[in-house]
C-alpha atoms as a PDB file:
ATOM      1  CA  UNK A   1      -0.255   0.005   0.095  1.00  0.00           C
ATOM      2  CA  UNK A   2       1.192   3.095  -0.589  1.00  0.00           C
ATOM      3  CA  UNK A   3      -0.700   6.382   1.536  1.00  0.00           C
ATOM      4  CA  UNK A   4       0.025  10.278  -0.829  1.00  0.00           C
ATOM      5  CA  UNK A   5      -0.889  13.633   0.765  1.00  0.00           C
ATOM      6  CA  UNK A   6      -1.246  16.474  -1.193  1.00  0.00           C
ATOM      7  CA  UNK A   7      -0.565  20.190   0.581  1.00  0.00           C
ATOM      8  CA  UNK A   8      -0.171  23.608  -1.107  1.00  0.00           C
ATOM      9  CA  UNK A   9      -3.440  24.412  -2.729  1.00  0.00           C
ATOM     10  CA  UNK A  10      -4.982  27.608  -1.499  1.00  0.00           C
ATOM     11  CA  UNK A  11      -7.154  30.871  -2.798  1.00  0.00           C
ATOM     12  CA  UNK A  12      -4.506  32.362  -5.406  1.00  0.00           C
ATOM     13  CA  UNK A  13      -5.469  35.522  -7.612  1.00  0.00           C
ATOM     14  CA  UNK A  14      -5.276  35.585 -11.164  1.00  0.00           C
ATOM     15  CA  UNK A  15      -1.833  35.720 -12.727  1.00  0.00           C
ATOM     16  CA  UNK A  16      -0.652  34.729  -8.919  1.00  0.00           C
ATOM     17  CA  UNK A  17       1.691  31.386  -8.336  1.00  0.00           C
ATOM     18  CA  UNK A  18       1.605  28.092  -5.503  1.00  0.00           C
ATOM     19  CA  UNK A  19       3.137  25.153  -5.239  1.00  0.00           C
ATOM     20  CA  UNK A  20       1.738  21.842  -4.620  1.00  0.00           C
ATOM     21  CA  UNK A  21       3.142  18.583  -2.746  1.00  0.00           C
ATOM     22  CA  UNK A  22       2.540  14.853  -2.552  1.00  0.00           C
ATOM     23  CA  UNK A  23       4.459  13.365  -0.165  1.00  0.00           C
ATOM     24  CA  UNK A  24       4.211   9.265  -0.722  1.00  0.00           C
ATOM     25  CA  UNK A  25       4.982   7.063   2.436  1.00  0.00           C
ATOM     26  CA  UNK A  26       7.555   5.340   1.013  1.00  0.00           C
ATOM     27  CA  UNK A  27      10.171   5.499  -2.118  1.00  0.00           C
ATOM     28  CA  UNK A  28       8.509   4.824  -4.752  1.00  0.00           C
ATOM     29  CA  UNK A  29       9.425   7.164  -7.887  1.00  0.00           C
ATOM     30  CA  UNK A  30      11.476   4.562  -8.942  1.00  0.00           C
ATOM     31  CA  UNK A  31       8.762   2.363 -10.173  1.00  0.00           C
ATOM     32  CA  UNK A  32       5.433   4.873 -10.477  1.00  0.00           C
ATOM     33  CA  UNK A  33       4.256   6.929 -12.857  1.00  0.00           C
ATOM     34  CA  UNK A  34       3.086  10.013 -10.895  1.00  0.00           C
ATOM     35  CA  UNK A  35       0.760  12.209 -12.097  1.00  0.00           C
ATOM     36  CA  UNK A  36      -1.062  15.215 -11.223  1.00  0.00           C
ATOM     37  CA  UNK A  37      -4.739  15.292 -11.851  1.00  0.00           C
ATOM     38  CA  UNK A  38      -7.357  17.993 -11.378  1.00  0.00           C
ATOM     39  CA  UNK A  39     -11.015  17.809 -10.917  1.00  0.00           C
ATOM     40  CA  UNK A  40     -13.162  20.795 -11.954  1.00  0.00           C
ATOM     41  CA  UNK A  41     -16.882  21.021 -10.831  1.00  0.00           C
ATOM     42  CA  UNK A  42     -19.203  19.623 -12.557  1.00  0.00           C
ATOM     43  CA  UNK A  43     -16.215  17.641 -15.252  1.00  0.00           C
ATOM     44  CA  UNK A  44     -14.555  14.472 -15.184  1.00  0.00           C
ATOM     45  CA  UNK A  45     -11.196  14.194 -13.878  1.00  0.00           C
ATOM     46  CA  UNK A  46      -8.580  15.280 -16.062  1.00  0.00           C
ATOM     47  CA  UNK A  47      -4.448  14.732 -16.232  1.00  0.00           C
ATOM     48  CA  UNK A  48      -2.570  17.776 -15.958  1.00  0.00           C
ATOM     49  CA  UNK A  49       0.964  16.250 -15.456  1.00  0.00           C
ATOM     50  CA  UNK A  50       2.859  13.249 -15.177  1.00  0.00           C
ATOM     51  CA  UNK A  51       6.577  12.550 -14.772  1.00  0.00           C
ATOM     52  CA  UNK A  52       7.667   8.551 -15.829  1.00  0.00           C
ATOM     53  CA  UNK A  53      10.292   6.857 -13.030  1.00  0.00           C
ATOM     54  CA  UNK A  54      12.609   7.949 -15.753  1.00  0.00           C
ATOM     55  CA  UNK A  55      11.954  11.296 -15.455  1.00  0.00           C
ATOM     56  CA  UNK A  56       9.993  11.920 -18.921  1.00  0.00           C
ATOM     57  CA  UNK A  57       7.543  14.896 -18.443  1.00  0.00           C
ATOM     58  CA  UNK A  58       4.232  15.352 -20.001  1.00  0.00           C
ATOM     59  CA  UNK A  59       1.194  17.774 -19.562  1.00  0.00           C
ATOM     60  CA  UNK A  60      -2.288  19.145 -20.769  1.00  0.00           C
ATOM     61  CA  UNK A  61      -1.951  21.437 -23.430  1.00  0.00           C
ATOM     62  CA  UNK A  62      -3.867  23.953 -21.209  1.00  0.00           C
ATOM     63  CA  UNK A  63      -1.160  24.344 -18.947  1.00  0.00           C
ATOM     64  CA  UNK A  64       2.196  23.931 -20.989  1.00  0.00           C
ATOM     65  CA  UNK A  65       4.501  26.882 -20.215  1.00  0.00           C
ATOM     66  CA  UNK A  66       2.825  27.712 -16.914  1.00  0.00           C
ATOM     67  CA  UNK A  67       2.969  24.565 -14.852  1.00  0.00           C
ATOM     68  CA  UNK A  68       6.013  22.503 -14.041  1.00  0.00           C
ATOM     69  CA  UNK A  69       6.074  19.111 -12.567  1.00  0.00           C
ATOM     70  CA  UNK A  70       8.897  17.879 -10.354  1.00  0.00           C
ATOM     71  CA  UNK A  71      10.399  15.141  -7.805  1.00  0.00           C
ATOM     72  CA  UNK A  72      12.975  15.289  -4.621  1.00  0.00           C
ATOM     73  CA  UNK A  73      13.668  11.870  -4.285  1.00  0.00           C
ATOM     74  CA  UNK A  74      15.419  11.951  -1.216  1.00  0.00           C
ATOM     75  CA  UNK A  75      12.378  13.067   0.494  1.00  0.00           C
ATOM     76  CA  UNK A  76      10.069  10.739  -1.588  1.00  0.00           C
ATOM     77  CA  UNK A  77       7.788  14.330  -2.522  1.00  0.00           C
ATOM     78  CA  UNK A  78       6.508  15.360  -6.193  1.00  0.00           C
ATOM     79  CA  UNK A  79       5.495  18.877  -6.878  1.00  0.00           C
ATOM     80  CA  UNK A  80       3.347  20.808  -8.914  1.00  0.00           C
ATOM     81  CA  UNK A  81       4.719  24.851  -9.685  1.00  0.00           C
ATOM     82  CA  UNK A  82       1.652  26.669 -10.931  1.00  0.00           C
ATOM     83  CA  UNK A  83       2.521  29.680 -12.535  1.00  0.00           C
ATOM     84  CA  UNK A  84       0.177  32.910 -14.153  1.00  0.00           C
ATOM     85  CA  UNK A  85      -2.881  30.855 -12.763  1.00  0.00           C
ATOM     86  CA  UNK A  86      -6.296  31.234 -14.156  1.00  0.00           C
ATOM     87  CA  UNK A  87      -9.574  31.090 -12.702  1.00  0.00           C
ATOM     88  CA  UNK A  88      -9.543  28.008 -15.264  1.00  0.00           C
ATOM     89  CA  UNK A  89      -7.221  26.278 -13.111  1.00  0.00           C
ATOM     90  CA  UNK A  90      -9.978  25.912 -10.137  1.00  0.00           C
ATOM     91  CA  UNK A  91     -10.384  22.402  -8.945  1.00  0.00           C
ATOM     92  CA  UNK A  92      -9.429  19.983  -7.043  1.00  0.00           C
ATOM     93  CA  UNK A  93      -6.009  18.529  -7.365  1.00  0.00           C
ATOM     94  CA  UNK A  94      -5.262  15.044  -6.801  1.00  0.00           C
ATOM     95  CA  UNK A  95      -1.564  13.133  -7.014  1.00  0.00           C
ATOM     96  CA  UNK A  96      -2.279   9.489  -8.081  1.00  0.00           C
ATOM     97  CA  UNK A  97       0.668   6.550  -8.338  1.00  0.00           C
ATOM     98  CA  UNK A  98       0.445   4.250 -11.037  1.00  0.00           C
ATOM     99  CA  UNK A  99       2.592   0.863 -12.050  1.00  0.00           C
ATOM    100  CA  UNK A 100       0.979  -1.415 -14.512  1.00  0.00           C
ATOM    101  CA  UNK A 101       2.361  -5.317 -14.202  1.00  0.00           C
ATOM    102  CA  UNK A 102       0.272  -6.988 -16.652  1.00  0.00           C
ATOM    103  CA  UNK A 103      -2.244  -7.520 -16.223  1.00  0.00           C
ATOM    104  CA  UNK A 104      -2.410  -5.728 -12.722  1.00  0.00           C
ATOM    105  CA  UNK A 105      -2.408  -1.905 -12.768  1.00  0.00           C
ATOM    106  CA  UNK A 106      -1.396  -0.416  -9.288  1.00  0.00           C
ATOM    107  CA  UNK A 107      -2.874   3.166  -8.918  1.00  0.00           C
ATOM    108  CA  UNK A 108      -3.262   4.985  -5.431  1.00  0.00           C
ATOM    109  CA  UNK A 109      -4.654   8.121  -5.281  1.00  0.00           C
ATOM    110  CA  UNK A 110      -4.339  11.449  -2.620  1.00  0.00           C
ATOM    111  CA  UNK A 111      -7.142  13.188  -0.949  1.00  0.00           C
ATOM    112  CA  UNK A 112      -6.841  16.331  -2.725  1.00  0.00           C
ATOM    113  CA  UNK A 113      -6.478  19.903  -2.493  1.00  0.00           C
ATOM    114  CA  UNK A 114      -8.833  22.637  -3.372  1.00  0.00           C
ATOM    115  CA  UNK A 115      -6.980  25.462  -5.697  1.00  0.00           C
ATOM    116  CA  UNK A 116      -9.167  28.804  -6.390  1.00  0.00           C
ATOM    117  CA  UNK A 117      -8.059  31.085  -8.362  1.00  0.00           C
ATOM    118  CA  UNK A 118     -10.267  34.293  -8.309  1.00  0.00           C
ATOM    119  CA  UNK A 119      -9.756  37.901  -7.235  1.00  0.00           C
END
């Protein structure tokens, strides 16, 4: 079992920045793909950014150039640096860990942290 705990959400004005953190209960980054998802009211949960065990990253188009995903292996912590925030970034952000050992998929979720972008 893996526990994931997010932190860092809050209220920020448009154009502002926030850094989300996801602390894992054990050292998993070398074998899990880690991701940040978000779910806005009335919308489906979407993948925002991901980082593979090898360190490759990918982003949804709407956040490219504004958000940066990273991790600190020594601290078992993943981050999402969010700059130039827009009202449409308002959502609950979830941390995810996923590993596939065919045919089994292991996936874990954090409890979520709320981000509100508003003036």
